[in-house]
């Protein structure tokens, strides 16, 4: 059975400050494995090209605060190697060239699978909460 790349959100409570933090990690898994929630794959660049720092800013707008910048670039490189995204160096008006990313056709297919699995998981959790 083919594997897909998924992203997981980890939320932790810091007892000292009583604040929660969110972190993102990724892994490979079978599409049938729905034992844990995933983060929004659909927030990755699709219609427009975006560079790594801009992607992290976009994710922060959706509640993924404090993602180390050193985490985004290895994820993007890994996804690019797997053909899920494409990257091109472009000149920047703010300094050196930047690598801009866009989701590929293969990535769009993986996104479709991800969204379907996420909706199924969300529906199951909603049903569980309503019964509880």
Protein backbone atom coordinates (compact mmCIF):
# COMPACT_ATOMS: atom_id res chain seq x y z
CA UNK A 1 0.00 0.00 0.00
CA UNK A 2 1.46 3.42 -0.92
CA UNK A 3 2.52 5.79 1.81
CA UNK A 4 1.80 9.48 2.03
CA UNK A 5 3.58 12.29 3.80
CA UNK A 6 1.53 13.75 6.61
CA UNK A 7 2.08 16.53 9.05
CA UNK A 8 1.22 16.25 12.72
CA UNK A 9 0.54 19.08 15.11
CA UNK A 10 1.77 18.64 18.66
CA UNK A 11 0.27 20.89 21.32
CA UNK A 12 2.04 21.09 24.65
CA UNK A 13 1.21 22.93 27.86
CA UNK A 14 4.12 24.61 29.60
CA UNK A 15 3.30 24.20 33.31
CA UNK A 16 5.57 27.08 34.33
CA UNK A 17 3.92 29.66 32.05
CA UNK A 18 0.53 27.96 31.61
CA UNK A 19 0.81 28.60 27.84
CA UNK A 20 0.37 26.11 25.05
CA UNK A 21 2.72 25.79 22.11
CA UNK A 22 2.18 24.04 18.79
CA UNK A 23 4.86 22.23 16.82
CA UNK A 24 4.73 20.52 13.47
CA UNK A 25 6.41 17.28 12.54
CA UNK A 26 6.06 15.02 9.55
CA UNK A 27 6.20 11.33 8.90
CA UNK A 28 5.35 8.70 6.34
CA UNK A 29 2.33 6.50 6.90
CA UNK A 30 -0.14 4.25 5.21
CA UNK A 31 -3.32 6.01 4.07
CA UNK A 32 -5.32 3.60 6.25
CA UNK A 33 -3.56 4.75 9.42
CA UNK A 34 -5.79 7.45 10.93
CA UNK A 35 -4.69 7.16 14.54
CA UNK A 36 -3.52 10.75 14.90
CA UNK A 37 -4.49 14.20 13.60
CA UNK A 38 -2.57 15.96 10.86
CA UNK A 39 -1.92 19.62 10.12
CA UNK A 40 -3.32 21.52 7.17
CA UNK A 41 -1.59 20.21 4.05
CA UNK A 42 -3.84 22.55 2.07
CA UNK A 43 -2.00 25.60 3.43
CA UNK A 44 1.06 24.76 1.34
CA UNK A 45 1.63 26.90 -1.74
CA UNK A 46 -0.70 25.98 -4.56
CA UNK A 47 -1.87 28.81 -6.75
CA UNK A 48 1.07 31.08 -6.06
CA UNK A 49 4.71 30.50 -5.34
CA UNK A 50 5.89 31.22 -1.80
CA UNK A 51 9.29 31.09 -0.13
CA UNK A 52 9.95 29.20 3.10
CA UNK A 53 9.72 32.10 5.53
CA UNK A 54 6.45 33.26 3.97
CA UNK A 55 5.05 29.71 4.32
CA UNK A 56 5.91 29.76 8.03
CA UNK A 57 4.17 33.15 8.38
CA UNK A 58 1.07 31.77 6.65
CA UNK A 59 1.02 28.77 8.99
CA UNK A 60 1.28 31.09 12.01
CA UNK A 61 -1.93 32.79 10.87
CA UNK A 62 -3.66 29.42 11.28
CA UNK A 63 -2.41 28.85 14.81
CA UNK A 64 0.92 27.11 14.22
CA UNK A 65 3.02 29.44 16.35
CA UNK A 66 6.67 29.00 17.11
CA UNK A 67 7.66 26.72 14.25
CA UNK A 68 11.45 26.85 14.23
CA UNK A 69 12.66 28.22 10.91
CA UNK A 70 15.16 25.36 10.84
CA UNK A 71 12.20 22.96 10.66
CA UNK A 72 10.46 24.43 7.62
CA UNK A 73 13.38 24.14 5.21
CA UNK A 74 14.16 20.44 5.81
CA UNK A 75 10.44 19.68 5.37
CA UNK A 76 10.36 21.61 2.11
CA UNK A 77 13.52 19.89 0.86
CA UNK A 78 12.09 16.47 1.74
CA UNK A 79 8.81 17.26 0.00
CA UNK A 80 10.68 18.56 -3.04
CA UNK A 81 12.77 15.36 -3.22
CA UNK A 82 9.54 13.32 -3.15
CA UNK A 83 8.06 15.40 -5.95
CA UNK A 84 5.25 16.86 -3.83
CA UNK A 85 6.40 20.43 -4.44
CA UNK A 86 8.67 22.18 -6.91
CA UNK A 87 11.14 24.90 -6.02
CA UNK A 88 12.77 27.60 -8.15
CA UNK A 89 15.30 30.25 -7.21
CA UNK A 90 14.04 33.76 -7.92
CA UNK A 91 15.55 37.20 -7.40
CA UNK A 92 14.34 39.11 -4.36
CA UNK A 93 13.94 42.87 -4.05
CA UNK A 94 14.88 42.51 -0.36
CA UNK A 95 18.28 40.88 -0.77
CA UNK A 96 19.66 37.57 -2.03
CA UNK A 97 17.74 35.13 -4.22
CA UNK A 98 14.99 33.10 -2.57
CA UNK A 99 13.69 29.66 -3.37
CA UNK A 100 9.98 29.81 -4.17
CA UNK A 101 7.84 26.69 -3.81
CA UNK A 102 4.65 25.51 -5.48
CA UNK A 103 2.69 22.30 -4.98
CA UNK A 104 3.13 19.81 -7.86
CA UNK A 105 0.55 17.60 -9.57
CA UNK A 106 1.73 14.70 -7.42
CA UNK A 107 1.40 16.94 -4.36
CA UNK A 108 -2.14 17.88 -5.35
CA UNK A 109 -3.00 14.18 -5.49
CA UNK A 110 -1.50 13.63 -2.03
CA UNK A 111 -3.39 16.70 -0.79
CA UNK A 112 -6.67 15.26 -2.05
CA UNK A 113 -5.99 12.01 -0.14
CA UNK A 114 -4.98 13.97 2.96
CA UNK A 115 -8.11 16.15 2.94
CA UNK A 116 -10.33 13.09 2.52
CA UNK A 117 -8.61 11.32 5.43
CA UNK A 118 -8.75 14.44 7.58
CA UNK A 119 -12.48 14.90 6.95
CA UNK A 120 -13.12 11.25 7.82
CA UNK A 121 -11.13 11.59 11.04
CA UNK A 122 -12.86 14.87 11.94
CA UNK A 123 -16.28 13.29 11.37
CA UNK A 124 -15.35 10.34 13.60
CA UNK A 125 -14.13 12.66 16.37
CA UNK A 126 -17.29 14.78 16.07
CA UNK A 127 -19.45 11.68 16.43
CA UNK A 128 -17.46 10.55 19.45
CA UNK A 129 -17.82 13.94 21.13
CA UNK A 130 -21.57 14.06 20.47
CA UNK A 131 -22.02 10.62 22.08
CA UNK A 132 -19.84 11.52 25.08
